[in-house]
Amino acid sequence: MSRVRLHGSSALHDGGFAYSAAVAPGPLLFTAGISPLDADGAIVHPGDVVAQTRTCLEHLRTVLAERDASFDDVVKLTIYVAEQLQADLVVAWQTVAAEFAAPVPPAMLMGVSVLAYDGQLVEIEAIAAPSE
């Protein structure tokens, strides 16, 4: 059973995500920024926000599983998108939201000017509360 409880807000817009999360006592897991890299360290799907977002989510799922956690244990997400158009942020968000049960954990989605690797458009980091 997950230690994470997600909460909406009766006073704020229902954007399909939780505004807060509470965690029962126990360990917390903080991930690094997860990039859309292949096994050789090269960016995959250059120029494709959706495909890079999916790759980041696959890698995030792997990192969580290695620590006996899953998307159900995620308390907070931060999604960085290095694009100029708001539409690119929207499709990145839609891709993330499709992978999580409703509501999506509290999240920050932001457009940034550049990320670490040439051709990188997306990076995702998470905080999770895996069961003990």
N, C-alpha and C. Protein backbone atom coordinates (compact mmCIF):
# COMPACT_ATOMS: atom_id res chain seq x y z
N MET A 1 0.84 -1.18 0.00
CA MET A 1 0.00 0.00 0.00
C MET A 1 0.89 1.25 0.00
N SER A 2 0.52 2.20 -0.81
CA SER A 2 1.30 3.43 -0.94
C SER A 2 1.21 4.27 0.34
N ARG A 3 2.30 4.93 0.66
CA ARG A 3 2.35 5.85 1.81
C ARG A 3 1.95 7.26 1.40
N VAL A 4 1.62 7.45 0.14
CA VAL A 4 1.34 8.77 -0.41
C VAL A 4 -0.17 9.02 -0.46
N ARG A 5 -0.57 10.17 0.03
CA ARG A 5 -1.96 10.61 -0.07
C ARG A 5 -1.96 11.93 -0.83
N LEU A 6 -2.65 11.94 -1.97
CA LEU A 6 -2.72 13.14 -2.80
C LEU A 6 -4.00 13.91 -2.48
N HIS A 7 -3.90 15.24 -2.50
CA HIS A 7 -5.04 16.08 -2.13
C HIS A 7 -5.28 17.15 -3.19
N GLY A 8 -6.53 17.33 -3.53
CA GLY A 8 -6.93 18.43 -4.39
C GLY A 8 -7.21 19.65 -3.53
N SER A 9 -7.87 20.63 -4.11
CA SER A 9 -8.27 21.83 -3.38
C SER A 9 -9.68 22.20 -3.79
N SER A 10 -10.53 22.41 -2.81
CA SER A 10 -11.91 22.81 -3.12
C SER A 10 -11.97 24.28 -3.54
N ALA A 11 -10.93 25.03 -3.25
CA ALA A 11 -10.94 26.46 -3.55
C ALA A 11 -10.24 26.81 -4.86
N LEU A 12 -9.46 25.87 -5.43
CA LEU A 12 -8.68 26.16 -6.63
C LEU A 12 -9.19 25.36 -7.82
N HIS A 13 -8.80 25.79 -9.01
CA HIS A 13 -9.16 25.13 -10.27
C HIS A 13 -8.76 23.66 -10.25
N ASP A 14 -9.64 22.78 -10.69
CA ASP A 14 -9.33 21.36 -10.79
C ASP A 14 -8.62 21.12 -12.11
N GLY A 15 -7.29 21.16 -12.07
CA GLY A 15 -6.50 21.00 -13.28
C GLY A 15 -6.12 19.56 -13.56
N GLY A 16 -6.70 18.59 -12.84
CA GLY A 16 -6.37 17.19 -13.07
C GLY A 16 -5.10 16.74 -12.35
N PHE A 17 -4.65 17.54 -11.39
CA PHE A 17 -3.46 17.18 -10.62
C PHE A 17 -3.73 17.50 -9.17
N ALA A 18 -2.97 16.91 -8.28
CA ALA A 18 -3.09 17.18 -6.85
C ALA A 18 -2.33 18.46 -6.53
N TYR A 19 -2.87 19.23 -5.59
CA TYR A 19 -2.19 20.43 -5.14
C TYR A 19 -1.22 20.17 -4.01
N SER A 20 -1.42 19.04 -3.32
CA SER A 20 -0.50 18.70 -2.23
C SER A 20 -0.47 17.19 -2.06
N ALA A 21 0.55 16.74 -1.33
CA ALA A 21 0.70 15.32 -1.03
C ALA A 21 1.17 15.19 0.40
N ALA A 22 0.64 14.20 1.09
CA ALA A 22 1.10 13.89 2.44
C ALA A 22 1.74 12.51 2.40
N VAL A 23 2.78 12.33 3.20
CA VAL A 23 3.52 11.07 3.21
C VAL A 23 3.58 10.53 4.63
N ALA A 24 3.19 9.27 4.78
CA ALA A 24 3.32 8.61 6.07
C ALA A 24 4.80 8.46 6.40
N PRO A 25 5.15 8.34 7.67
CA PRO A 25 6.57 8.21 8.05
C PRO A 25 7.26 7.06 7.31
N GLY A 26 8.50 7.30 6.97
CA GLY A 26 9.30 6.30 6.26
C GLY A 26 10.27 6.98 5.32
N PRO A 27 10.97 6.18 4.50
CA PRO A 27 12.00 6.75 3.63
C PRO A 27 11.43 7.58 2.48
N LEU A 28 12.24 8.53 2.05
CA LEU A 28 11.94 9.29 0.84
C LEU A 28 13.05 9.03 -0.17
N LEU A 29 12.68 9.01 -1.42
CA LEU A 29 13.62 8.78 -2.51
C LEU A 29 13.61 10.02 -3.40
N PHE A 30 14.78 10.61 -3.62
CA PHE A 30 14.93 11.78 -4.48
C PHE A 30 15.70 11.36 -5.71
N THR A 31 15.13 11.54 -6.89
CA THR A 31 15.85 11.17 -8.10
C THR A 31 16.65 12.35 -8.63
N ALA A 32 17.65 12.03 -9.40
CA ALA A 32 18.34 13.05 -10.20
C ALA A 32 17.40 13.44 -11.34
N GLY A 33 17.79 14.44 -12.08
CA GLY A 33 17.05 14.73 -13.30
C GLY A 33 17.22 13.56 -14.26
N ILE A 34 16.11 13.05 -14.75
CA ILE A 34 16.13 11.90 -15.65
C ILE A 34 16.08 12.43 -17.08
N SER A 35 17.09 12.11 -17.86
CA SER A 35 17.22 12.60 -19.23
C SER A 35 16.88 11.50 -20.23
N PRO A 36 16.54 11.88 -21.46
CA PRO A 36 16.22 10.89 -22.50
C PRO A 36 17.49 10.39 -23.20
N LEU A 37 18.29 9.63 -22.46
CA LEU A 37 19.55 9.10 -22.98
C LEU A 37 19.43 7.62 -23.29
N ASP A 38 20.18 7.18 -24.31
CA ASP A 38 20.26 5.75 -24.57
C ASP A 38 21.39 5.16 -23.73
N ALA A 39 21.64 3.87 -23.87
CA ALA A 39 22.64 3.17 -23.05
C ALA A 39 24.05 3.71 -23.27
N ASP A 40 24.28 4.37 -24.41
CA ASP A 40 25.60 4.94 -24.70
C ASP A 40 25.72 6.40 -24.29
N GLY A 41 24.65 6.96 -23.71
CA GLY A 41 24.68 8.35 -23.26
C GLY A 41 24.32 9.36 -24.33
N ALA A 42 23.72 8.91 -25.42
CA ALA A 42 23.29 9.82 -26.49
C ALA A 42 21.81 10.15 -26.33
N ILE A 43 21.45 11.37 -26.66
CA ILE A 43 20.04 11.79 -26.62
C ILE A 43 19.26 11.02 -27.68
N VAL A 44 18.10 10.52 -27.28
CA VAL A 44 17.21 9.83 -28.23
C VAL A 44 16.10 10.79 -28.65
N HIS A 45 15.58 10.57 -29.82
CA HIS A 45 14.45 11.33 -30.37
C HIS A 45 14.69 12.84 -30.38
N PRO A 46 15.82 13.30 -30.94
CA PRO A 46 16.05 14.75 -30.97
C PRO A 46 14.88 15.47 -31.65
N GLY A 47 14.46 16.58 -31.03
CA GLY A 47 13.40 17.40 -31.61
C GLY A 47 11.99 16.91 -31.32
N ASP A 48 11.82 15.80 -30.60
CA ASP A 48 10.49 15.23 -30.36
C ASP A 48 10.18 15.27 -28.87
N VAL A 49 9.42 16.26 -28.46
CA VAL A 49 9.09 16.46 -27.05
C VAL A 49 8.35 15.25 -26.48
N VAL A 50 7.37 14.74 -27.19
CA VAL A 50 6.57 13.62 -26.70
C VAL A 50 7.44 12.38 -26.52
N ALA A 51 8.22 12.03 -27.52
CA ALA A 51 9.06 10.83 -27.44
C ALA A 51 10.11 10.97 -26.34
N GLN A 52 10.69 12.16 -26.19
CA GLN A 52 11.67 12.35 -25.12
C GLN A 52 10.99 12.27 -23.75
N THR A 53 9.79 12.80 -23.63
CA THR A 53 9.05 12.71 -22.37
C THR A 53 8.78 11.25 -22.04
N ARG A 54 8.34 10.48 -23.02
CA ARG A 54 8.08 9.05 -22.79
C ARG A 54 9.36 8.32 -22.36
N THR A 55 10.47 8.64 -22.98
CA THR A 55 11.74 8.01 -22.62
C THR A 55 12.13 8.37 -21.19
N CYS A 56 11.98 9.65 -20.82
CA CYS A 56 12.27 10.06 -19.45
C CYS A 56 11.38 9.30 -18.46
N LEU A 57 10.11 9.14 -18.79
CA LEU A 57 9.20 8.41 -17.90
C LEU A 57 9.58 6.93 -17.80
N GLU A 58 10.00 6.33 -18.91
CA GLU A 58 10.46 4.94 -18.87
C GLU A 58 11.68 4.81 -17.95
N HIS A 59 12.62 5.74 -18.10
CA HIS A 59 13.82 5.72 -17.26
C HIS A 59 13.46 5.97 -15.79
N LEU A 60 12.53 6.88 -15.55
CA LEU A 60 12.09 7.15 -14.18
C LEU A 60 11.45 5.90 -13.58
N ARG A 61 10.63 5.23 -14.36
CA ARG A 61 10.00 3.98 -13.89
C ARG A 61 11.08 2.96 -13.51
N THR A 62 12.15 2.87 -14.30
CA THR A 62 13.25 1.95 -14.03
C THR A 62 13.96 2.31 -12.73
N VAL A 63 14.30 3.58 -12.56
CA VAL A 63 14.99 4.03 -11.35
C VAL A 63 14.12 3.75 -10.11
N LEU A 64 12.84 4.05 -10.20
CA LEU A 64 11.95 3.79 -9.07
C LEU A 64 11.87 2.30 -8.77
N ALA A 65 11.73 1.48 -9.81
CA ALA A 65 11.62 0.03 -9.61
C ALA A 65 12.87 -0.54 -8.95
N GLU A 66 14.03 0.01 -9.28
CA GLU A 66 15.28 -0.45 -8.67
C GLU A 66 15.29 -0.20 -7.16
N ARG A 67 14.45 0.69 -6.71
CA ARG A 67 14.35 1.01 -5.28
C ARG A 67 13.01 0.56 -4.71
N ASP A 68 12.37 -0.42 -5.38
CA ASP A 68 11.08 -0.98 -4.95
C ASP A 68 10.00 0.09 -4.83
N ALA A 69 9.99 1.01 -5.77
CA ALA A 69 8.98 2.06 -5.82
C ALA A 69 8.33 2.05 -7.20
N SER A 70 7.21 2.76 -7.30
CA SER A 70 6.49 2.87 -8.58
C SER A 70 5.93 4.28 -8.71
N PHE A 71 5.25 4.53 -9.80
CA PHE A 71 4.63 5.84 -9.99
C PHE A 71 3.61 6.13 -8.88
N ASP A 72 3.01 5.10 -8.29
CA ASP A 72 2.06 5.29 -7.19
C ASP A 72 2.73 5.89 -5.96
N ASP A 73 4.04 5.77 -5.86
CA ASP A 73 4.79 6.28 -4.72
C ASP A 73 5.32 7.69 -4.93
N VAL A 74 5.11 8.25 -6.11
CA VAL A 74 5.65 9.58 -6.42
C VAL A 74 4.86 10.65 -5.68
N VAL A 75 5.59 11.50 -4.98
CA VAL A 75 5.03 12.58 -4.18
C VAL A 75 5.07 13.90 -4.94
N LYS A 76 6.11 14.10 -5.75
CA LYS A 76 6.31 15.38 -6.43
C LYS A 76 7.10 15.17 -7.70
N LEU A 77 6.70 15.85 -8.77
CA LEU A 77 7.41 15.82 -10.05
C LEU A 77 7.85 17.22 -10.43
N THR A 78 8.99 17.30 -11.09
CA THR A 78 9.41 18.54 -11.75
C THR A 78 9.76 18.16 -13.18
N ILE A 79 9.12 18.84 -14.13
CA ILE A 79 9.31 18.55 -15.55
C ILE A 79 9.86 19.80 -16.22
N TYR A 80 11.02 19.67 -16.84
CA TYR A 80 11.67 20.77 -17.54
C TYR A 80 11.53 20.52 -19.04
N VAL A 81 11.11 21.55 -19.79
CA VAL A 81 10.97 21.44 -21.24
C VAL A 81 11.71 22.61 -21.88
N ALA A 82 12.72 22.30 -22.68
CA ALA A 82 13.53 23.33 -23.34
C ALA A 82 12.98 23.61 -24.73
N GLU A 83 11.88 24.32 -24.74
CA GLU A 83 11.25 24.71 -25.99
C GLU A 83 10.69 26.11 -25.85
N GLN A 84 10.42 26.76 -26.96
CA GLN A 84 9.94 28.13 -26.95
C GLN A 84 8.42 28.23 -26.96
N LEU A 85 7.74 27.15 -27.33
CA LEU A 85 6.29 27.21 -27.49
C LEU A 85 5.56 26.59 -26.31
N GLN A 86 4.54 27.27 -25.85
CA GLN A 86 3.72 26.75 -24.76
C GLN A 86 3.11 25.41 -25.17
N ALA A 87 2.81 25.24 -26.44
CA ALA A 87 2.22 23.99 -26.92
C ALA A 87 3.13 22.80 -26.61
N ASP A 88 4.44 23.00 -26.63
CA ASP A 88 5.36 21.91 -26.30
C ASP A 88 5.27 21.53 -24.83
N LEU A 89 5.05 22.51 -23.97
CA LEU A 89 4.83 22.21 -22.56
C LEU A 89 3.53 21.44 -22.38
N VAL A 90 2.51 21.82 -23.11
CA VAL A 90 1.21 21.14 -23.03
C VAL A 90 1.34 19.67 -23.42
N VAL A 91 2.02 19.38 -24.53
CA VAL A 91 2.12 17.97 -24.94
C VAL A 91 3.01 17.18 -23.99
N ALA A 92 4.02 17.81 -23.42
CA ALA A 92 4.83 17.13 -22.41
C ALA A 92 3.96 16.79 -21.21
N TRP A 93 3.15 17.75 -20.76
CA TRP A 93 2.27 17.52 -19.61
C TRP A 93 1.26 16.41 -19.92
N GLN A 94 0.67 16.44 -21.09
CA GLN A 94 -0.31 15.41 -21.46
C GLN A 94 0.33 14.02 -21.45
N THR A 95 1.57 13.94 -21.88
CA THR A 95 2.29 12.67 -21.90
C THR A 95 2.54 12.19 -20.47
N VAL A 96 2.94 13.09 -19.59
CA VAL A 96 3.15 12.74 -18.18
C VAL A 96 1.83 12.31 -17.55
N ALA A 97 0.80 13.12 -17.73
CA ALA A 97 -0.50 12.83 -17.10
C ALA A 97 -1.06 11.48 -17.53
N ALA A 98 -0.81 11.08 -18.77
CA ALA A 98 -1.31 9.79 -19.26
C ALA A 98 -0.67 8.60 -18.56
N GLU A 99 0.50 8.80 -17.95
CA GLU A 99 1.22 7.71 -17.28
C GLU A 99 0.86 7.55 -15.81
N PHE A 100 0.22 8.54 -15.23
CA PHE A 100 -0.11 8.52 -13.82
C PHE A 100 -1.60 8.34 -13.62
N ALA A 101 -1.97 7.62 -12.56
CA ALA A 101 -3.38 7.53 -12.20
C ALA A 101 -3.83 8.92 -11.75
N ALA A 102 -5.07 9.26 -12.03
CA ALA A 102 -5.58 10.57 -11.62
C ALA A 102 -5.78 10.59 -10.11
N PRO A 103 -5.45 11.65 -9.46
CA PRO A 103 -4.78 12.82 -10.01
C PRO A 103 -3.28 12.61 -10.12
N VAL A 104 -2.67 13.40 -10.99
CA VAL A 104 -1.21 13.41 -11.11
C VAL A 104 -0.67 13.99 -9.80
N PRO A 105 0.46 13.47 -9.30
CA PRO A 105 1.04 14.06 -8.08
C PRO A 105 1.33 15.55 -8.29
N PRO A 106 1.48 16.30 -7.19
CA PRO A 106 1.87 17.70 -7.36
C PRO A 106 3.08 17.79 -8.29
N ALA A 107 3.03 18.75 -9.18
CA ALA A 107 4.08 18.83 -10.20
C ALA A 107 4.36 20.28 -10.55
N MET A 108 5.57 20.47 -11.02
CA MET A 108 5.98 21.76 -11.58
C MET A 108 6.42 21.50 -13.01
N LEU A 109 5.80 22.17 -13.94
CA LEU A 109 6.14 22.08 -15.36
C LEU A 109 6.67 23.43 -15.77
N MET A 110 7.91 23.44 -16.29
CA MET A 110 8.46 24.75 -16.66
C MET A 110 9.24 24.69 -17.96
N GLY A 111 9.14 25.78 -18.69
CA GLY A 111 9.95 25.95 -19.87
C GLY A 111 11.29 26.54 -19.47
N VAL A 112 12.34 25.98 -20.01
CA VAL A 112 13.70 26.46 -19.74
C VAL A 112 14.39 26.73 -21.07
N SER A 113 15.45 27.49 -21.03
CA SER A 113 16.12 27.85 -22.28
C SER A 113 17.01 26.74 -22.81
N VAL A 114 17.63 25.97 -21.92
CA VAL A 114 18.54 24.93 -22.39
C VAL A 114 18.67 23.86 -21.31
N LEU A 115 18.93 22.63 -21.73
CA LEU A 115 19.22 21.53 -20.81
C LEU A 115 20.63 21.02 -21.09
N ALA A 116 21.07 20.03 -20.35
CA ALA A 116 22.48 19.64 -20.31
C ALA A 116 23.06 19.09 -21.62
N TYR A 117 22.27 18.40 -22.41
CA TYR A 117 22.80 17.71 -23.60
C TYR A 117 22.29 18.36 -24.88
N ASP A 118 23.13 18.38 -25.91
CA ASP A 118 22.69 18.87 -27.22
C ASP A 118 21.49 18.04 -27.67
N GLY A 119 20.43 18.71 -28.08
CA GLY A 119 19.24 18.01 -28.56
C GLY A 119 18.27 17.59 -27.46
N GLN A 120 18.63 17.81 -26.22
CA GLN A 120 17.74 17.43 -25.11
C GLN A 120 16.65 18.47 -24.95
N LEU A 121 15.40 18.00 -24.93
CA LEU A 121 14.26 18.89 -24.76
C LEU A 121 13.54 18.70 -23.43
N VAL A 122 13.71 17.53 -22.79
CA VAL A 122 12.94 17.19 -21.60
C VAL A 122 13.85 16.60 -20.53
N GLU A 123 13.53 16.92 -19.28
CA GLU A 123 14.17 16.28 -18.12
C GLU A 123 13.13 16.24 -17.01
N ILE A 124 13.10 15.12 -16.29
CA ILE A 124 12.10 14.94 -15.24
C ILE A 124 12.80 14.47 -13.97
N GLU A 125 12.44 15.08 -12.84
CA GLU A 125 12.93 14.59 -11.55
C GLU A 125 11.73 14.32 -10.66
N ALA A 126 11.92 13.46 -9.67
CA ALA A 126 10.81 13.06 -8.81
C ALA A 126 11.26 12.88 -7.38
N ILE A 127 10.30 13.01 -6.50
CA ILE A 127 10.44 12.61 -5.10
C ILE A 127 9.40 11.52 -4.90
N ALA A 128 9.83 10.42 -4.31
CA ALA A 128 8.92 9.29 -4.08
C ALA A 128 9.02 8.84 -2.63
N ALA A 129 7.97 8.18 -2.17
CA ALA A 129 7.91 7.63 -0.81
C ALA A 129 7.64 6.14 -0.91
N PRO A 130 8.67 5.35 -1.18
CA PRO A 130 8.45 3.90 -1.32
C PRO A 130 8.05 3.27 0.01
N SER A 131 7.29 2.19 -0.08
CA SER A 131 6.92 1.45 1.12
C SER A 131 8.17 0.84 1.72
N GLU A 132 8.14 0.66 3.02
CA GLU A 132 9.32 0.08 3.70
C GLU A 132 9.35 -1.41 3.54
